[in-house]
């Protein structure tokens, strides 16, 4: 059950960070800007960055839940 909580928490954190990155005015440094300003095409770089973000948030989630369960015991 704890593993399920860790995975869901990591995916939720990933979704929040993805939304913040997409709707912010930060330039997407891993993609090239199209002919119109602030228009980026989605390529394999985007999928690679999403995979890295999922991996990072899963590691953060597993670490956080592990630390919280240690302090409770």
C-alpha atoms as a PDB file:
ATOM      1  CA  UNK A   1       0.000   0.000   0.000  1.00  0.00           C
ATOM      2  CA  UNK A   2       2.852   2.373   0.824  1.00  0.00           C
ATOM      3  CA  UNK A   3       4.388   1.822  -2.605  1.00  0.00           C
ATOM      4  CA  UNK A   4       1.118   2.796  -4.259  1.00  0.00           C
ATOM      5  CA  UNK A   5       1.033   6.011  -2.222  1.00  0.00           C
ATOM      6  CA  UNK A   6       4.623   6.775  -3.236  1.00  0.00           C
ATOM      7  CA  UNK A   7       3.927   6.255  -6.943  1.00  0.00           C
ATOM      8  CA  UNK A   8       0.692   8.281  -6.909  1.00  0.00           C
ATOM      9  CA  UNK A   9       2.344  11.101  -4.957  1.00  0.00           C
ATOM     10  CA  UNK A  10       5.221  11.160  -7.461  1.00  0.00           C
ATOM     11  CA  UNK A  11       2.844  11.269 -10.426  1.00  0.00           C
ATOM     12  CA  UNK A  12       0.809  14.044  -8.810  1.00  0.00           C
ATOM     13  CA  UNK A  13       3.968  16.062  -8.193  1.00  0.00           C
ATOM     14  CA  UNK A  14       5.024  15.460 -11.791  1.00  0.00           C
ATOM     15  CA  UNK A  15       1.637  16.656 -13.078  1.00  0.00           C
ATOM     16  CA  UNK A  16       1.826  19.805 -10.966  1.00  0.00           C
ATOM     17  CA  UNK A  17       5.364  20.617 -12.109  1.00  0.00           C
ATOM     18  CA  UNK A  18       4.486  19.907 -15.747  1.00  0.00           C
ATOM     19  CA  UNK A  19       1.520  22.282 -15.542  1.00  0.00           C
ATOM     20  CA  UNK A  20       3.614  24.984 -13.937  1.00  0.00           C
ATOM     21  CA  UNK A  21       6.321  24.637 -16.585  1.00  0.00           C
ATOM     22  CA  UNK A  22       3.866  24.618 -19.494  1.00  0.00           C
ATOM     23  CA  UNK A  23       1.829  27.615 -18.351  1.00  0.00           C
ATOM     24  CA  UNK A  24       4.733  29.744 -17.171  1.00  0.00           C
ATOM     25  CA  UNK A  25       6.528  32.160 -19.438  1.00  0.00           C
ATOM     26  CA  UNK A  26       9.804  30.336 -19.017  1.00  0.00           C
ATOM     27  CA  UNK A  27      11.516  29.502 -22.295  1.00  0.00           C
ATOM     28  CA  UNK A  28      11.678  25.822 -23.130  1.00  0.00           C
ATOM     29  CA  UNK A  29      15.430  25.488 -23.515  1.00  0.00           C
ATOM     30  CA  UNK A  30      15.346  21.914 -24.837  1.00  0.00           C
ATOM     31  CA  UNK A  31      13.123  22.772 -27.826  1.00  0.00           C
ATOM     32  CA  UNK A  32      13.654  25.245 -30.637  1.00  0.00           C
ATOM     33  CA  UNK A  33      11.223  28.111 -30.990  1.00  0.00           C
ATOM     34  CA  UNK A  34       9.081  28.006 -34.127  1.00  0.00           C
ATOM     35  CA  UNK A  35       8.448  30.862 -36.555  1.00  0.00           C
ATOM     36  CA  UNK A  36       5.998  32.449 -34.103  1.00  0.00           C
ATOM     37  CA  UNK A  37       7.256  33.678 -30.737  1.00  0.00           C
ATOM     38  CA  UNK A  38       6.680  31.304 -27.797  1.00  0.00           C
ATOM     39  CA  UNK A  39       5.565  28.456 -30.091  1.00  0.00           C
ATOM     40  CA  UNK A  40       7.539  25.268 -29.594  1.00  0.00           C
ATOM     41  CA  UNK A  41       7.126  22.007 -31.451  1.00  0.00           C
ATOM     42  CA  UNK A  42       7.045  18.849 -29.375  1.00  0.00           C
ATOM     43  CA  UNK A  43       9.872  16.496 -30.356  1.00  0.00           C
ATOM     44  CA  UNK A  44      11.746  13.645 -28.740  1.00  0.00           C
ATOM     45  CA  UNK A  45      13.531  16.164 -26.511  1.00  0.00           C
ATOM     46  CA  UNK A  46      10.223  16.889 -24.785  1.00  0.00           C
ATOM     47  CA  UNK A  47       9.588  13.200 -24.142  1.00  0.00           C
ATOM     48  CA  UNK A  48      13.091  12.849 -22.741  1.00  0.00           C
ATOM     49  CA  UNK A  49      12.575  15.804 -20.402  1.00  0.00           C
ATOM     50  CA  UNK A  50       9.196  14.394 -19.299  1.00  0.00           C
ATOM     51  CA  UNK A  51      10.816  11.030 -18.541  1.00  0.00           C
ATOM     52  CA  UNK A  52      13.523  12.802 -16.529  1.00  0.00           C
ATOM     53  CA  UNK A  53      10.864  14.786 -14.646  1.00  0.00           C
ATOM     54  CA  UNK A  54       8.892  11.607 -13.869  1.00  0.00           C
ATOM     55  CA  UNK A  55      12.047   9.880 -12.625  1.00  0.00           C
ATOM     56  CA  UNK A  56      13.023  12.887 -10.498  1.00  0.00           C
ATOM     57  CA  UNK A  57       9.594  13.224  -8.907  1.00  0.00           C
ATOM     58  CA  UNK A  58       9.402   9.478  -8.219  1.00  0.00           C
ATOM     59  CA  UNK A  59      12.768   9.571  -6.453  1.00  0.00           C
ATOM     60  CA  UNK A  60      11.644  12.613  -4.453  1.00  0.00           C
ATOM     61  CA  UNK A  61       8.354  10.938  -3.543  1.00  0.00           C
ATOM     62  CA  UNK A  62       9.959   7.671  -2.450  1.00  0.00           C
ATOM     63  CA  UNK A  63      12.554   9.558  -0.385  1.00  0.00           C
ATOM     64  CA  UNK A  64       9.969  11.809   1.253  1.00  0.00           C
ATOM     65  CA  UNK A  65       7.575   8.991   2.154  1.00  0.00           C
ATOM     66  CA  UNK A  66      10.460   6.908   3.498  1.00  0.00           C
ATOM     67  CA  UNK A  67      11.642   9.782   5.717  1.00  0.00           C
ATOM     68  CA  UNK A  68       8.108  10.486   6.932  1.00  0.00           C
ATOM     69  CA  UNK A  69       7.509   6.831   7.793  1.00  0.00           C
ATOM     70  CA  UNK A  70      10.776   6.720   9.767  1.00  0.00           C
ATOM     71  CA  UNK A  71       9.849   9.754  11.856  1.00  0.00           C
ATOM     72  CA  UNK A  72       6.422   8.273  12.622  1.00  0.00           C
ATOM     73  CA  UNK A  73       7.817   4.931  13.841  1.00  0.00           C
END
